């Protein structure tokens, strides 16, 4: 099985290229075209052996004996690059670093010179370094990709390769492909980049319409032909219209996954399920209101509707009527706007008069759960929070979540919490027999979409959850079971597995996600096992398969099998 991840720089660079990653376990055999894989020339093989011998002779003993010392030295060096950052109320956040120093000195050089040590460093300091290799630093890295570029770490495709993409894929020299990043360059609309003499991408306006669709269609067919039926293609950071179109077009013919649409939804659903275990009740007891109707908002709404429909056997269309969405610029999505809406918003257009201001929408819709997925910050104002508290005074507990980047001081108060939110927050209101002031005082911070510093509030330290909980374990579950399609029930299985990892100790700390320090084996292994188990249960009528999983026989202990499939950056002894 091979996994591919399409990771699009275009959100940050305004549309210049797309990136794809391919991964496959070494003991997995590719299908359809794998027999014609390019064979590494003898000269390259000899050169690789020579480099390995030099590494063994000069550095191997040092790596084995002192790797833990190297990790300590490197993390100490990285911490010296912490810089003050005052935007949005964040001061001296330990997760802010010098991008140029980090990426030039560590991200590229360390990874290239000693990959095991690089991953050892990440594993030992996952929570601290995640903001460096993931959100938010990766966004700035995409913006400055050309200036910090050292050498390619991926396969580059562009419009110039149209008509011969399969040939290019077959020319990739590595035979044991477990994870391959592919950049797809279709041009850019960024005038600054077009006028930059150092920009090395295609120097023309971004391809759209039929030209764009034909290139992606050729790519998807070539990938499947070269790597087989079980190749997993992950789309990430595509613009809304492209993301939904690609997912809808290929979900029935390819193994595809979009983290922005499906992954974010899985994490939020898991948080809601975990929160409801704490406060009681069920999803059916709540009315949902979303601020933002893009990839994240509609993806979360759909997964909540699927889970609710599954639990109650109520038709999906009926369940959707209890979920409302607000366009951040226009207002409440209602049926009178249906003709002008994008296709992925139309299922959420309900009968109601148009309402623009969020606080008025809250007062009229009376939601018990408020979820923000808009790119606009400072929209959950004090008035909105107070309106939610007032509406839900008679309900045991109401949940507010927010999905825009968190930027706040550690000396958080209500004003900062309401005005500085930027990414996936859950606010839990204990509402039974409490006044509005008491409710606002007992506001709890539960989760965040990006890795940021813990927040101290009302004598407690709340550690934000992040949006990276699902996709590692979800992808592993697909790979280790040999799944051929991403069924909706697999998405739900991953959310349920994540929610089940939250302990009473976590609840006591105000958390609705387990500690991220357990992500590698404990959390991801259980998610992978749950996804794989569901894949073995589900059939695929189109292919006359008894299950979506094609790796047979099924492992007896899926959790242990998942744990054994996880990469460990350890040095093997040589004599």
Protein backbone atom coordinates (compact mmCIF):
# COMPACT_ATOMS: atom_id res chain seq x y z
CA UNK A 1 0.00 0.00 0.00
CA UNK A 2 1.25 3.44 -0.87
CA UNK A 3 0.00 6.64 0.67
CA UNK A 4 0.12 9.93 -1.16
CA UNK A 5 -0.45 13.30 0.40
CA UNK A 6 -1.23 16.35 -1.69
CA UNK A 7 -0.14 19.36 0.34
CA UNK A 8 -0.94 22.60 -1.40
CA UNK A 9 1.32 25.63 -0.91
CA UNK A 10 -1.21 27.70 -2.77
CA UNK A 11 -3.20 28.84 0.27
CA UNK A 12 -0.15 30.73 1.48
CA UNK A 13 1.32 31.60 -1.92
CA UNK A 14 -2.03 32.36 -3.55
CA UNK A 15 -2.02 29.49 -5.95
CA UNK A 16 1.32 28.39 -7.28
CA UNK A 17 1.67 24.67 -6.65
CA UNK A 18 0.30 21.59 -4.98
CA UNK A 19 2.21 19.00 -3.02
CA UNK A 20 1.63 15.27 -2.75
CA UNK A 21 3.06 12.63 -0.43
CA UNK A 22 3.25 8.84 -1.07
CA UNK A 23 3.84 6.27 1.67
CA UNK A 24 3.92 2.47 1.73
CA UNK A 25 5.01 -0.23 4.16
CA UNK A 26 8.11 -1.96 2.89
CA UNK A 27 6.45 -5.37 2.97
CA UNK A 28 3.53 -4.23 0.85
CA UNK A 29 3.33 -5.13 -2.79
CA UNK A 30 2.05 -2.49 -5.20
CA UNK A 31 -0.59 -3.40 -7.79
CA UNK A 32 -0.96 -2.55 -11.42
CA UNK A 33 2.23 -1.12 -12.85
CA UNK A 34 4.47 -1.96 -9.94
CA UNK A 35 6.23 -4.55 -12.09
CA UNK A 36 7.50 -1.80 -14.38
CA UNK A 37 9.12 0.25 -11.62
CA UNK A 38 12.38 1.92 -12.49
CA UNK A 39 15.40 -0.12 -11.32
CA UNK A 40 18.13 1.81 -9.52
CA UNK A 41 21.26 1.88 -11.72
CA UNK A 42 24.31 -0.05 -10.52
CA UNK A 43 26.33 3.15 -10.16
CA UNK A 44 23.75 4.73 -7.87
CA UNK A 45 23.57 1.58 -5.75
CA UNK A 46 27.36 1.55 -5.33
CA UNK A 47 27.36 5.24 -4.41
CA UNK A 48 24.69 4.64 -1.77
CA UNK A 49 26.71 1.77 -0.28
CA UNK A 50 29.83 3.92 -0.23
CA UNK A 51 28.01 6.72 1.61
CA UNK A 52 26.69 4.18 4.12
CA UNK A 53 30.17 2.76 4.77
CA UNK A 54 31.56 6.26 5.35
CA UNK A 55 28.73 6.96 7.79
CA UNK A 56 29.39 3.71 9.66
CA UNK A 57 33.14 4.25 9.88
CA UNK A 58 33.10 7.89 10.89
CA UNK A 59 29.94 8.46 12.89
CA UNK A 60 28.02 5.30 13.75
CA UNK A 61 29.54 4.64 17.16
CA UNK A 62 29.07 8.28 18.13
CA UNK A 63 25.40 8.18 17.08
CA UNK A 64 24.72 5.01 19.07
CA UNK A 65 26.54 6.05 22.22
CA UNK A 66 25.58 9.72 22.36
CA UNK A 67 22.30 10.16 20.50
CA UNK A 68 20.50 11.13 23.69
CA UNK A 69 23.19 13.74 24.39
CA UNK A 70 22.81 15.14 20.87
CA UNK A 71 19.07 15.47 21.33
CA UNK A 72 19.59 17.45 24.54
CA UNK A 73 22.13 19.72 22.88
CA UNK A 74 19.93 20.40 19.88
CA UNK A 75 16.79 21.16 21.87
CA UNK A 76 18.80 23.51 24.07
CA UNK A 77 20.10 25.26 20.95
CA UNK A 78 16.61 25.55 19.47
CA UNK A 79 15.26 27.13 22.65
CA UNK A 80 17.77 29.94 22.24
CA UNK A 81 15.82 31.06 19.16
CA UNK A 82 12.64 31.90 21.05
CA UNK A 83 11.52 35.39 20.09
CA UNK A 84 8.88 37.71 21.59
CA UNK A 85 5.71 37.99 19.56
CA UNK A 86 3.08 40.50 20.57
CA UNK A 87 0.42 40.15 17.86
CA UNK A 88 -2.98 39.25 19.26
CA UNK A 89 -1.88 39.47 22.89
CA UNK A 90 0.74 36.75 22.72
CA UNK A 91 3.95 37.72 24.49
CA UNK A 92 7.08 35.56 24.77
CA UNK A 93 5.26 32.47 23.61
CA UNK A 94 7.71 29.57 23.93
CA UNK A 95 6.40 28.15 20.67
CA UNK A 96 7.60 31.10 18.55
CA UNK A 97 11.01 30.65 16.97
CA UNK A 98 13.25 32.21 14.36
CA UNK A 99 11.98 30.62 11.17
CA UNK A 100 15.15 31.18 9.15
CA UNK A 101 17.47 29.78 11.82
CA UNK A 102 15.26 26.79 12.56
CA UNK A 103 14.58 25.77 9.02
CA UNK A 104 18.07 26.36 7.69
CA UNK A 105 19.97 24.88 10.60
CA UNK A 106 17.68 22.11 11.81
CA UNK A 107 14.66 21.32 9.65
CA UNK A 108 16.74 20.74 6.53
CA UNK A 109 20.32 20.17 7.64
CA UNK A 110 19.62 17.85 10.56
CA UNK A 111 17.01 15.86 8.67
CA UNK A 112 19.35 15.37 5.73
CA UNK A 113 22.48 14.56 7.73
CA UNK A 114 20.93 12.29 10.34
CA UNK A 115 17.29 11.43 9.78
CA UNK A 116 17.08 9.10 12.76
CA UNK A 117 18.33 11.81 15.10
CA UNK A 118 15.90 14.29 13.55
CA UNK A 119 12.91 12.05 14.32
CA UNK A 120 14.32 11.12 17.71
CA UNK A 121 14.37 14.83 18.51
CA UNK A 122 10.75 15.22 17.42
CA UNK A 123 9.57 12.20 19.38
CA UNK A 124 11.28 13.26 22.59
CA UNK A 125 9.95 16.82 22.34
CA UNK A 126 6.79 16.36 20.26
CA UNK A 127 4.60 18.90 22.03
CA UNK A 128 7.31 21.56 22.11
CA UNK A 129 8.48 21.16 18.51
CA UNK A 130 5.14 20.51 16.84
CA UNK A 131 4.55 24.25 16.26
CA UNK A 132 7.91 24.34 14.48
CA UNK A 133 7.30 21.51 12.00
CA UNK A 134 3.51 21.95 11.86
CA UNK A 135 1.05 24.82 12.24
CA UNK A 136 1.72 27.75 12.53
CA UNK A 137 5.35 27.73 11.32
CA UNK A 138 4.58 25.66 8.23
CA UNK A 139 2.41 28.49 6.90
CA UNK A 140 5.26 30.96 7.04
CA UNK A 141 7.58 28.34 5.58
CA UNK A 142 5.25 28.01 2.59
CA UNK A 143 5.24 31.77 2.10
CA UNK A 144 9.04 31.85 2.15
CA UNK A 145 9.59 28.51 0.44
CA UNK A 146 11.68 29.97 -2.37
CA UNK A 147 14.01 31.91 -0.08
CA UNK A 148 14.72 29.00 2.27
CA UNK A 149 14.87 26.34 -0.46
CA UNK A 150 18.02 24.20 -0.22
CA UNK A 151 17.34 21.20 -2.46
CA UNK A 152 14.23 19.26 -3.50
CA UNK A 153 12.80 16.67 -1.14
CA UNK A 154 9.93 15.70 -3.40
CA UNK A 155 8.86 14.83 -6.92
CA UNK A 156 8.04 17.94 -8.95
CA UNK A 157 5.25 17.95 -11.53
CA UNK A 158 3.88 20.88 -13.50
CA UNK A 159 1.76 21.72 -16.50
CA UNK A 160 4.86 21.10 -18.60
CA UNK A 161 4.58 17.38 -17.75
CA UNK A 162 0.97 17.14 -18.88
CA UNK A 163 0.56 14.07 -21.06
CA UNK A 164 3.50 12.17 -19.56
CA UNK A 165 2.87 12.14 -15.81
CA UNK A 166 2.86 8.34 -15.70
CA UNK A 167 6.29 8.33 -17.34
CA UNK A 168 7.62 10.78 -14.74
CA UNK A 169 6.24 8.70 -11.87
CA UNK A 170 7.89 5.58 -13.24
CA UNK A 171 11.21 7.41 -13.48
CA UNK A 172 11.33 8.02 -9.72
CA UNK A 173 14.56 6.19 -8.73
CA UNK A 174 13.59 4.98 -5.26
CA UNK A 175 12.20 1.45 -5.24
CA UNK A 176 11.06 1.16 -1.61
CA UNK A 177 8.58 4.04 -1.50
CA UNK A 178 6.76 4.46 1.79
CA UNK A 179 6.07 8.19 1.69
CA UNK A 180 6.52 10.43 -1.36
CA UNK A 181 5.82 14.15 -1.48
CA UNK A 182 4.79 15.43 -4.90
CA UNK A 183 4.60 19.10 -5.85
CA UNK A 184 2.16 20.00 -8.62
CA UNK A 185 2.85 23.45 -10.07
CA UNK A 186 0.01 25.02 -12.06
CA UNK A 187 1.21 28.63 -11.99
CA UNK A 188 0.47 31.46 -9.59
CA UNK A 189 -1.68 34.58 -9.36
CA UNK A 190 0.70 36.16 -6.88
CA UNK A 191 2.14 39.21 -8.67
CA UNK A 192 4.95 39.51 -6.15
CA UNK A 193 6.14 35.99 -6.99
CA UNK A 194 5.71 36.50 -10.73
CA UNK A 195 7.95 39.57 -10.52
CA UNK A 196 10.51 37.93 -8.23
CA UNK A 197 13.60 37.00 -10.26
CA UNK A 198 14.45 34.30 -7.68
CA UNK A 199 11.07 32.57 -7.98
CA UNK A 200 11.61 29.17 -9.58
CA UNK A 201 8.00 28.12 -10.14
CA UNK A 202 6.02 28.45 -13.37
CA UNK A 203 5.89 32.12 -14.34
CA UNK A 204 2.33 32.44 -15.58
CA UNK A 205 -1.16 32.84 -14.20
CA UNK A 206 -2.65 29.91 -12.40
CA UNK A 207 -4.38 27.29 -14.53
CA UNK A 208 -8.10 26.88 -13.86
CA UNK A 209 -11.13 25.16 -15.29
CA UNK A 210 -10.69 22.36 -17.79
CA UNK A 211 -6.90 22.69 -18.01
CA UNK A 212 -6.55 22.30 -14.23
CA UNK A 213 -9.07 19.44 -14.06
CA UNK A 214 -7.39 17.52 -16.89
CA UNK A 215 -3.97 17.75 -15.22
CA UNK A 216 -5.32 16.50 -11.88
CA UNK A 217 -7.31 13.75 -13.59
CA UNK A 218 -4.23 12.55 -15.45
CA UNK A 219 -2.27 12.63 -12.21
CA UNK A 220 -4.87 10.63 -10.26
CA UNK A 221 -5.10 7.98 -12.97
CA UNK A 222 -1.32 7.76 -13.32
CA UNK A 223 -0.84 7.37 -9.58
CA UNK A 224 -3.36 4.55 -9.41
CA UNK A 225 -1.93 2.84 -12.51
CA UNK A 226 1.64 3.04 -11.22
CA UNK A 227 1.15 2.29 -7.53
CA UNK A 228 -2.03 0.23 -7.44
CA UNK A 229 -5.57 0.22 -6.10
CA UNK A 230 -4.57 0.78 -2.48
CA UNK A 231 -2.68 4.02 -2.89
CA UNK A 232 -3.90 6.68 -0.45
CA UNK A 233 -3.96 10.23 -1.79
CA UNK A 234 -4.29 12.97 0.81
CA UNK A 235 -5.41 16.39 -0.39
CA UNK A 236 -4.48 19.22 1.94
CA UNK A 237 -4.97 23.00 1.89
CA UNK A 238 -6.76 23.14 -1.45
CA UNK A 239 -9.10 26.05 -2.09
CA UNK A 240 -12.71 25.26 -1.20
CA UNK A 241 -14.07 24.76 -4.72
CA UNK A 242 -11.17 22.51 -5.74
CA UNK A 243 -11.10 20.56 -2.46
CA UNK A 244 -14.76 19.57 -2.57
CA UNK A 245 -14.70 18.84 -6.30
CA UNK A 246 -11.64 16.57 -6.04
CA UNK A 247 -12.99 14.70 -3.03
CA UNK A 248 -16.40 14.22 -4.62
CA UNK A 249 -14.96 13.19 -7.97
CA UNK A 250 -12.50 10.58 -6.74
CA UNK A 251 -13.87 9.20 -3.48
CA UNK A 252 -15.68 6.37 -5.29
CA UNK A 253 -12.75 5.39 -7.53
CA UNK A 254 -9.66 6.13 -5.42
CA UNK A 255 -8.56 5.96 -1.80
CA UNK A 256 -8.61 9.70 -1.05
CA UNK A 257 -8.70 11.81 2.10
CA UNK A 258 -8.85 15.56 2.71
CA UNK A 259 -7.58 16.59 6.11
CA UNK A 260 -9.15 20.07 5.99
CA UNK A 261 -12.61 18.69 5.26
CA UNK A 262 -12.59 15.27 6.88
CA UNK A 263 -9.68 15.35 9.35
CA UNK A 264 -10.78 18.55 11.06
CA UNK A 265 -14.32 17.20 11.25
CA UNK A 266 -13.10 14.00 12.90
CA UNK A 267 -11.19 15.90 15.58
CA UNK A 268 -14.10 18.22 16.38
CA UNK A 269 -16.60 15.35 16.49
CA UNK A 270 -14.28 13.49 18.87
CA UNK A 271 -14.12 16.55 21.11
CA UNK A 272 -17.90 16.88 21.13
CA UNK A 273 -18.40 13.19 21.91
CA UNK A 274 -15.85 13.41 24.73
CA UNK A 275 -17.43 16.59 26.09
CA UNK A 276 -20.88 15.00 26.09
CA UNK A 277 -19.53 12.05 28.05
CA UNK A 278 -18.48 14.58 30.66
CA UNK A 279 -21.67 16.65 30.78
CA UNK A 280 -24.22 14.01 29.80
CA UNK A 281 -26.72 13.95 26.99
CA UNK A 282 -26.25 13.14 23.32
CA UNK A 283 -25.71 14.90 20.00
CA UNK A 284 -29.45 14.69 19.36
CA UNK A 285 -30.07 16.97 22.35
CA UNK A 286 -28.23 19.88 20.73
CA UNK A 287 -28.73 22.49 18.04
CA UNK A 288 -25.54 23.46 16.20
CA UNK A 289 -24.57 26.82 14.74
CA UNK A 290 -21.41 27.29 12.64
CA UNK A 291 -19.68 30.56 11.94
CA UNK A 292 -18.00 29.84 8.61
CA UNK A 293 -19.22 27.60 5.80
CA UNK A 294 -16.02 26.56 4.05
CA UNK A 295 -14.15 23.25 4.03
CA UNK A 296 -13.90 22.94 7.80
CA UNK A 297 -17.41 24.16 8.64
CA UNK A 298 -19.33 22.05 6.15
CA UNK A 299 -17.07 19.06 6.78
CA UNK A 300 -17.68 19.17 10.53
CA UNK A 301 -21.40 19.73 10.05
CA UNK A 302 -21.69 16.74 7.73
CA UNK A 303 -19.79 14.41 10.06
CA UNK A 304 -21.90 15.49 13.04
CA UNK A 305 -25.01 14.81 10.96
CA UNK A 306 -23.69 11.38 9.93
CA UNK A 307 -22.91 10.42 13.53
CA UNK A 308 -26.31 11.63 14.73
CA UNK A 309 -28.12 9.80 11.93
CA UNK A 310 -26.18 6.63 12.69
CA UNK A 311 -27.11 6.76 16.39
CA UNK A 312 -30.79 7.58 15.87
CA UNK A 313 -31.62 6.03 12.48
CA UNK A 314 -33.13 9.39 11.54
CA UNK A 315 -32.70 10.27 7.83
CA UNK A 316 -29.69 12.48 7.14
CA UNK A 317 -31.79 15.27 5.60
CA UNK A 318 -33.85 15.49 8.80
CA UNK A 319 -30.75 15.60 11.00
CA UNK A 320 -29.28 18.43 8.92
CA UNK A 321 -32.26 20.63 9.81
CA UNK A 322 -30.85 20.94 13.33
CA UNK A 323 -27.53 22.29 12.03
CA UNK A 324 -27.22 25.90 10.87
CA UNK A 325 -24.34 27.67 9.12
CA UNK A 326 -23.41 31.33 8.88
CA UNK A 327 -21.31 32.77 6.08
CA UNK A 328 -18.79 34.99 7.81
CA UNK A 329 -19.37 37.79 5.26
CA UNK A 330 -23.03 37.43 4.27
CA UNK A 331 -24.94 35.93 7.19
CA UNK A 332 -27.18 32.98 7.95
CA UNK A 333 -27.45 30.42 5.13
CA UNK A 334 -31.16 30.22 4.32
CA UNK A 335 -33.24 28.69 1.54
CA UNK A 336 -33.84 32.05 -0.18
CA UNK A 337 -30.09 32.13 -0.97
CA UNK A 338 -29.94 28.57 -2.29
CA UNK A 339 -29.56 29.42 -5.99
CA UNK A 340 -26.45 31.54 -5.36
CA UNK A 341 -24.78 29.10 -2.96
CA UNK A 342 -21.87 26.80 -3.77
CA UNK A 343 -22.99 23.18 -4.06
CA UNK A 344 -21.43 22.08 -0.75
CA UNK A 345 -23.41 24.75 1.16
CA UNK A 346 -26.83 23.95 -0.29
CA UNK A 347 -27.68 21.05 2.09
CA UNK A 348 -27.50 23.57 4.95
CA UNK A 349 -29.90 26.15 3.51
CA UNK A 350 -32.99 26.01 5.76
CA UNK A 351 -36.22 27.98 5.91
CA UNK A 352 -35.62 31.20 7.86
CA UNK A 353 -35.52 34.90 7.28
CA UNK A 354 -32.07 36.35 6.41
CA UNK A 355 -29.98 37.39 9.43
CA UNK A 356 -26.54 38.98 9.15
CA UNK A 357 -25.06 39.72 12.59
CA UNK A 358 -23.82 36.69 14.53
CA UNK A 359 -25.23 37.87 17.85
CA UNK A 360 -28.69 38.17 16.26
CA UNK A 361 -28.35 34.73 14.68
CA UNK A 362 -27.52 33.28 18.11
CA UNK A 363 -30.56 34.95 19.65
CA UNK A 364 -32.92 33.69 16.92
CA UNK A 365 -31.55 30.18 16.26
CA UNK A 366 -30.86 29.55 19.96
CA UNK A 367 -28.00 27.06 19.49
CA UNK A 368 -26.58 24.94 22.28
CA UNK A 369 -23.33 24.41 20.37
CA UNK A 370 -21.52 27.24 18.59
CA UNK A 371 -18.62 26.31 16.31
CA UNK A 372 -16.46 28.85 14.51
CA UNK A 373 -14.57 27.92 11.34
CA UNK A 374 -14.21 31.33 9.78
CA UNK A 375 -10.96 33.01 8.77
CA UNK A 376 -12.13 36.19 10.46
CA UNK A 377 -10.90 36.70 14.00
CA UNK A 378 -12.48 38.58 16.90
CA UNK A 379 -16.01 37.52 16.03
CA UNK A 380 -16.92 35.63 19.20
CA UNK A 381 -17.42 38.86 21.09
CA UNK A 382 -18.51 39.24 24.67
CA UNK A 383 -22.07 39.89 23.44
CA UNK A 384 -22.09 36.58 21.55
CA UNK A 385 -20.78 34.63 24.55
CA UNK A 386 -23.28 36.29 26.88
CA UNK A 387 -26.10 35.53 24.44
CA UNK A 388 -25.08 31.87 24.41
CA UNK A 389 -24.97 31.80 28.20
CA UNK A 390 -28.36 33.49 28.49
CA UNK A 391 -30.02 31.12 26.02
CA UNK A 392 -28.61 28.02 27.68
CA UNK A 393 -29.17 28.88 31.35
CA UNK A 394 -31.76 26.14 31.67
CA UNK A 395 -29.65 23.53 29.92
CA UNK A 396 -27.16 21.48 31.88
CA UNK A 397 -24.20 22.49 29.78
CA UNK A 398 -23.60 24.24 26.50
CA UNK A 399 -20.57 23.93 24.29
CA UNK A 400 -18.92 26.67 22.28
CA UNK A 401 -16.07 25.80 19.99
CA UNK A 402 -13.92 28.06 17.87
CA UNK A 403 -11.76 27.07 14.94
CA UNK A 404 -9.46 30.01 14.13
CA UNK A 405 -5.83 30.37 15.44
CA UNK A 406 -5.47 31.07 19.17
CA UNK A 407 -3.45 34.16 19.97
CA UNK A 408 -3.80 35.12 23.60
CA UNK A 409 -1.80 36.05 26.64
CA UNK A 410 -1.27 33.42 29.30
CA UNK A 411 -2.84 35.92 31.68
CA UNK A 412 -6.17 35.26 30.07
CA UNK A 413 -9.39 36.95 31.09
CA UNK A 414 -12.85 36.87 29.57
CA UNK A 415 -12.17 39.79 27.24
CA UNK A 416 -9.00 38.19 25.85
CA UNK A 417 -10.66 34.80 25.47
CA UNK A 418 -13.61 36.29 23.63
CA UNK A 419 -11.60 38.61 21.38
CA UNK A 420 -8.26 36.91 20.72
CA UNK A 421 -9.43 33.48 19.62
CA UNK A 422 -8.14 32.18 16.33
CA UNK A 423 -8.39 28.37 16.16
CA UNK A 424 -10.53 25.51 17.57
CA UNK A 425 -11.53 26.35 21.11
CA UNK A 426 -14.17 24.56 23.12
CA UNK A 427 -15.85 26.67 25.77
CA UNK A 428 -17.92 24.63 28.21
CA UNK A 429 -20.63 26.42 30.16
CA UNK A 430 -21.90 24.73 33.33
CA UNK A 431 -25.39 26.18 33.05
CA UNK A 432 -27.67 24.52 35.57
CA UNK A 433 -28.82 26.98 38.25
CA UNK A 434 -26.04 29.45 37.52
CA UNK A 435 -26.32 33.12 36.70
CA UNK A 436 -24.71 34.59 33.57
CA UNK A 437 -21.79 36.00 35.55
CA UNK A 438 -21.17 32.66 37.21
CA UNK A 439 -21.27 30.96 33.83
CA UNK A 440 -18.77 33.34 32.31
CA UNK A 441 -16.50 33.00 35.31
CA UNK A 442 -16.44 29.23 34.96
CA UNK A 443 -15.60 29.33 31.28
CA UNK A 444 -13.34 26.40 30.38
CA UNK A 445 -10.82 26.25 27.59
CA UNK A 446 -10.69 22.76 26.13
CA UNK A 447 -9.07 22.64 22.70
CA UNK A 448 -7.39 24.48 19.87
CA UNK A 449 -6.80 23.73 16.21
CA UNK A 450 -3.14 24.69 16.25
CA UNK A 451 -0.40 23.94 18.79
CA UNK A 452 -0.05 26.93 21.10
CA UNK A 453 1.06 27.53 24.65
CA UNK A 454 -1.09 26.42 27.61
CA UNK A 455 -3.43 29.03 29.05
CA UNK A 456 -3.81 29.70 32.76
CA UNK A 457 -7.29 30.82 33.77
CA UNK A 458 -9.08 30.92 37.09
CA UNK A 459 -6.26 29.06 38.82
CA UNK A 460 -6.13 26.23 36.30
CA UNK A 461 -3.80 25.54 33.39
CA UNK A 462 -5.61 24.49 30.22
CA UNK A 463 -3.56 22.78 27.53
CA UNK A 464 -5.06 23.36 24.07
CA UNK A 465 -5.81 20.31 21.98
CA UNK A 466 -4.76 20.35 18.34
CA UNK A 467 -5.96 19.28 14.94
CA UNK A 468 -3.15 16.72 14.47
CA UNK A 469 -4.78 14.02 16.57
CA UNK A 470 -6.55 12.11 13.82
CA UNK A 471 -4.70 11.88 10.53
CA UNK A 472 -1.60 9.92 11.69
CA UNK A 473 -3.67 7.10 13.17
CA UNK A 474 -6.32 7.29 10.48
CA UNK A 475 -3.76 6.93 7.71
CA UNK A 476 -2.05 4.08 9.56
CA UNK A 477 -5.36 2.26 9.89
CA UNK A 478 -5.99 2.52 6.15
CA UNK A 479 -2.48 1.35 5.30
CA UNK A 480 -2.21 -1.60 7.67
CA UNK A 481 -5.61 -2.97 6.60
CA UNK A 482 -5.08 -2.40 2.89
CA UNK A 483 -8.30 -0.39 2.66
CA UNK A 484 -9.37 0.55 -0.87
CA UNK A 485 -11.92 3.33 -0.16
CA UNK A 486 -12.56 5.84 2.63
CA UNK A 487 -16.07 5.03 3.84
CA UNK A 488 -17.92 7.49 6.08
CA UNK A 489 -18.03 4.88 8.84
CA UNK A 490 -14.22 4.85 8.90
CA UNK A 491 -14.24 8.58 9.63
CA UNK A 492 -16.67 8.04 12.50
CA UNK A 493 -14.62 5.11 13.82
CA UNK A 494 -11.56 7.34 14.12
CA UNK A 495 -13.49 10.02 16.03
CA UNK A 496 -14.96 7.47 18.42
CA UNK A 497 -11.51 5.99 19.05
CA UNK A 498 -10.02 9.40 19.87
CA UNK A 499 -12.89 10.28 22.22
CA UNK A 500 -12.46 6.97 24.05
CA UNK A 501 -8.87 7.89 24.93
CA UNK A 502 -9.96 10.76 27.20
CA UNK A 503 -9.68 9.69 30.85
CA UNK A 504 -11.29 11.00 34.00
CA UNK A 505 -7.96 12.58 34.89
CA UNK A 506 -8.11 14.52 31.61
CA UNK A 507 -11.67 15.63 32.37
CA UNK A 508 -10.59 16.82 35.82
CA UNK A 509 -8.05 19.08 34.11
CA UNK A 510 -10.70 20.55 31.82
CA UNK A 511 -9.47 18.60 28.79
CA UNK A 512 -11.62 16.91 26.17
CA UNK A 513 -8.67 15.42 24.29
CA UNK A 514 -5.96 13.11 25.65
CA UNK A 515 -2.43 14.51 26.19
CA UNK A 516 -0.66 14.92 22.88
CA UNK A 517 2.46 13.37 24.35
CA UNK A 518 0.69 10.00 23.89
CA UNK A 519 0.02 10.59 20.20
CA UNK A 520 2.62 8.26 18.71
CA UNK A 521 1.73 4.82 19.97
CA UNK A 522 -1.15 4.97 22.41
CA UNK A 523 -3.55 7.37 20.65
CA UNK A 524 -2.63 6.71 17.03
CA UNK A 525 -2.43 2.94 17.56
CA UNK A 526 -5.97 2.81 18.97
CA UNK A 527 -7.31 5.04 16.20
CA UNK A 528 -5.59 2.88 13.58
CA UNK A 529 -6.92 -0.33 15.14
CA UNK A 530 -10.48 1.01 15.28
CA UNK A 531 -10.34 2.21 11.67
CA UNK A 532 -8.86 -1.09 10.47
CA UNK A 533 -11.46 -3.12 12.40
CA UNK A 534 -14.27 -1.15 10.78
CA UNK A 535 -12.66 -1.61 7.35
CA UNK A 536 -12.66 -5.38 7.85
CA UNK A 537 -16.37 -5.20 8.75
CA UNK A 538 -17.49 -3.11 5.79
CA UNK A 539 -18.05 -4.60 2.35
CA UNK A 540 -17.53 -2.96 -1.05
CA UNK A 541 -20.34 -4.03 -3.40
CA UNK A 542 -18.79 -2.30 -6.42
CA UNK A 543 -15.80 -4.64 -6.31
CA UNK A 544 -17.64 -7.64 -4.82
CA UNK A 545 -15.30 -7.55 -1.83
CA UNK A 546 -16.42 -8.93 1.51
CA UNK A 547 -14.63 -6.05 3.22
CA UNK A 548 -12.96 -2.75 2.39
CA UNK A 549 -9.75 -4.20 3.82
CA UNK A 550 -7.62 -6.26 1.44
CA UNK A 551 -4.74 -7.24 3.72
CA UNK A 552 -5.52 -10.82 4.72
CA UNK A 553 -5.61 -12.56 7.04
CA UNK A 554 -6.75 -9.97 9.53
CA UNK A 555 -4.24 -9.52 12.39
CA UNK A 556 -5.51 -11.01 15.64
CA UNK A 557 -4.52 -7.99 17.72
CA UNK A 558 -4.92 -4.83 15.66
CA UNK A 559 -3.60 -2.53 18.40
CA UNK A 560 -0.35 -4.48 18.72
CA UNK A 561 -0.08 -4.67 14.94
CA UNK A 562 -0.47 -0.89 14.74
CA UNK A 563 2.17 -0.37 17.43
CA UNK A 564 4.58 -2.63 15.56
CA UNK A 565 3.98 -0.65 12.36
CA UNK A 566 5.10 2.64 13.88
CA UNK A 567 8.56 3.86 12.92
CA UNK A 568 11.15 3.90 15.71
CA UNK A 569 14.30 6.02 15.21
CA UNK A 570 16.70 3.61 16.88
CA UNK A 571 20.22 2.65 15.85
CA UNK A 572 20.96 -0.97 15.07
CA UNK A 573 24.21 -2.40 16.32
CA UNK A 574 26.89 -3.52 13.84
CA UNK A 575 29.98 -5.68 14.43
